[in-house]
Amino acid sequence: MASVGLQSGRQVTVEASGVRRCRPEVEIAVYFSCLAALDNAAKHAGPVPVSVDLFDTGGALDFTVWDLGAGFDAAETKLGAGIANMRDRIASVGGTLAIDSAPGRGTRVHGSVPDPGWR
């Protein structure tokens, strides 16, 4: 994940201490959802740092991709295929995805996959 940030030319911080391996389909869904969120940040947030946090809550694998960029008004903005694909990908492994954003406040993409089949 950190190598993606290096390729994007922007500062990307990844925190994932203590996260265990999960079922392959969960790891794939989370990885590609994080990549899509990083891609959205690169397109829309402006030249701001982006953070990716992965954490084991004991019963779920949670992730958050967030920036302090331009943000958007979710009530006024039609969400695109990228967000729909992230939601579908996380739902396919039993998880949920939420988007929190506001103009001038940045965007936060948070996903949670309960019972990810820790290995």
Protein backbone atom coordinates (compact mmCIF):
# COMPACT_ATOMS: atom_id res chain seq x y z
CA MET A 1 0.00 0.00 0.00
CA ALA A 2 2.82 2.41 0.83
CA SER A 3 4.35 1.85 -2.62
CA VAL A 4 1.16 3.16 -4.21
CA GLY A 5 1.64 6.42 -2.34
CA LEU A 6 5.20 6.70 -3.60
CA GLN A 7 4.01 6.27 -7.18
CA SER A 8 1.30 8.90 -6.77
CA GLY A 9 3.81 11.66 -5.99
CA ARG A 10 1.93 12.70 -2.84
CA GLN A 11 2.53 11.97 0.82
CA VAL A 12 0.63 8.86 1.88
CA THR A 13 0.91 7.60 5.45
CA VAL A 14 -0.06 3.99 6.15
CA GLU A 15 -0.64 2.71 9.69
CA ALA A 16 -1.36 -0.99 10.10
CA SER A 17 0.28 -2.18 13.28
CA GLY A 18 -1.08 -5.36 14.80
CA VAL A 19 -3.30 -6.29 11.86
CA ARG A 20 -3.48 -10.03 11.25
CA ARG A 21 -3.87 -11.80 7.92
CA CYS A 22 -7.48 -12.37 6.82
CA ARG A 23 -9.27 -14.52 4.28
CA PRO A 24 -7.82 -13.71 0.85
CA GLU A 25 -11.12 -12.30 -0.45
CA VAL A 26 -11.25 -9.85 2.48
CA GLU A 27 -7.65 -8.72 1.94
CA ILE A 28 -8.35 -8.21 -1.78
CA ALA A 29 -11.57 -6.26 -1.15
CA VAL A 30 -9.93 -3.98 1.42
CA TYR A 31 -6.78 -3.47 -0.65
CA PHE A 32 -8.62 -2.48 -3.83
CA SER A 33 -11.08 -0.30 -1.92
CA CYS A 34 -8.17 1.57 -0.35
CA LEU A 35 -6.57 1.96 -3.79
CA ALA A 36 -9.82 3.39 -5.17
CA ALA A 37 -10.08 5.82 -2.26
CA LEU A 38 -6.45 6.91 -2.84
CA ASP A 39 -7.25 7.39 -6.53
CA ASN A 40 -10.26 9.55 -5.65
CA ALA A 41 -8.11 11.63 -3.31
CA ALA A 42 -5.51 12.11 -6.06
CA LYS A 43 -8.24 13.29 -8.46
CA HIS A 44 -10.31 15.48 -6.15
CA ALA A 45 -8.59 16.41 -2.86
CA GLY A 46 -5.87 18.65 -4.18
CA PRO A 47 -2.20 18.46 -3.19
CA VAL A 48 -2.72 17.31 0.40
CA PRO A 49 -1.34 14.33 2.33
CA VAL A 50 -3.52 11.24 2.57
CA SER A 51 -3.63 8.69 5.39
CA VAL A 52 -4.61 5.04 5.38
CA ASP A 53 -5.31 3.39 8.73
CA LEU A 54 -5.98 -0.35 9.10
CA PHE A 55 -6.96 -1.76 12.46
CA ASP A 56 -8.15 -4.96 14.07
CA THR A 57 -11.04 -4.23 16.42
CA GLY A 58 -11.06 -7.80 17.72
CA GLY A 59 -14.16 -8.72 15.76
CA ALA A 60 -13.63 -6.79 12.54
CA LEU A 61 -11.04 -5.43 10.15
CA ASP A 62 -11.58 -1.69 9.81
CA PHE A 63 -9.92 0.75 7.45
CA THR A 64 -10.04 4.48 6.93
CA VAL A 65 -8.62 6.50 4.04
CA TRP A 66 -8.75 10.22 4.74
CA ASP A 67 -7.50 13.54 3.51
CA LEU A 68 -7.89 17.18 4.48
CA GLY A 69 -8.49 18.28 0.91
CA ALA A 70 -11.29 20.05 -0.92
CA GLY A 71 -14.06 17.71 0.24
CA PHE A 72 -17.60 17.81 -1.18
CA ASP A 73 -21.20 18.21 -0.10
CA ALA A 74 -22.56 14.66 -0.09
CA ALA A 75 -26.16 15.94 -0.28
CA GLU A 76 -25.37 17.89 -3.47
CA THR A 77 -22.91 15.53 -5.16
CA LYS A 78 -23.79 12.46 -7.15
CA LEU A 79 -21.43 9.71 -6.03
CA GLY A 80 -19.56 8.09 -8.89
CA ALA A 81 -18.81 4.56 -9.97
CA GLY A 82 -15.63 4.45 -7.86
CA ILE A 83 -17.53 4.78 -4.61
CA ALA A 84 -20.26 2.41 -5.79
CA ASN A 85 -17.59 -0.16 -6.68
CA MET A 86 -15.94 0.23 -3.25
CA ARG A 87 -19.30 -0.29 -1.52
CA ASP A 88 -20.06 -3.36 -3.65
CA ARG A 89 -16.60 -4.83 -3.10
CA ILE A 90 -16.78 -4.44 0.69
CA ALA A 91 -20.41 -5.64 0.82
CA SER A 92 -19.38 -8.79 -1.08
CA VAL A 93 -17.31 -9.84 1.96
CA GLY A 94 -20.01 -8.88 4.47
CA GLY A 95 -18.74 -5.40 5.26
CA THR A 96 -19.95 -1.84 5.11
CA LEU A 97 -18.51 1.36 3.69
CA ALA A 98 -19.29 4.95 4.69
CA ILE A 99 -18.21 8.24 3.14
CA ASP A 100 -17.96 11.40 5.24
CA SER A 101 -17.07 14.66 3.51
CA ALA A 102 -17.77 18.36 3.56
CA PRO A 103 -16.42 21.28 1.52
CA GLY A 104 -13.12 22.47 2.96
CA ARG A 105 -13.03 19.65 5.52
CA GLY A 106 -11.74 16.79 3.41
CA THR A 107 -13.05 13.30 2.89
CA ARG A 108 -13.01 10.15 4.99
CA VAL A 109 -13.77 6.70 3.58
CA HIS A 110 -14.35 4.15 6.33
CA GLY A 111 -14.93 0.44 5.85
CA SER A 112 -15.50 -2.39 8.27
CA VAL A 113 -15.53 -6.12 7.60
CA PRO A 114 -16.84 -8.14 10.56
CA ASP A 115 -15.44 -11.62 11.10
CA PRO A 116 -12.78 -11.35 8.38
CA GLY A 117 -11.51 -14.88 8.98
CA TRP A 118 -8.30 -14.04 10.82
CA ARG A 119 -5.43 -16.42 10.06
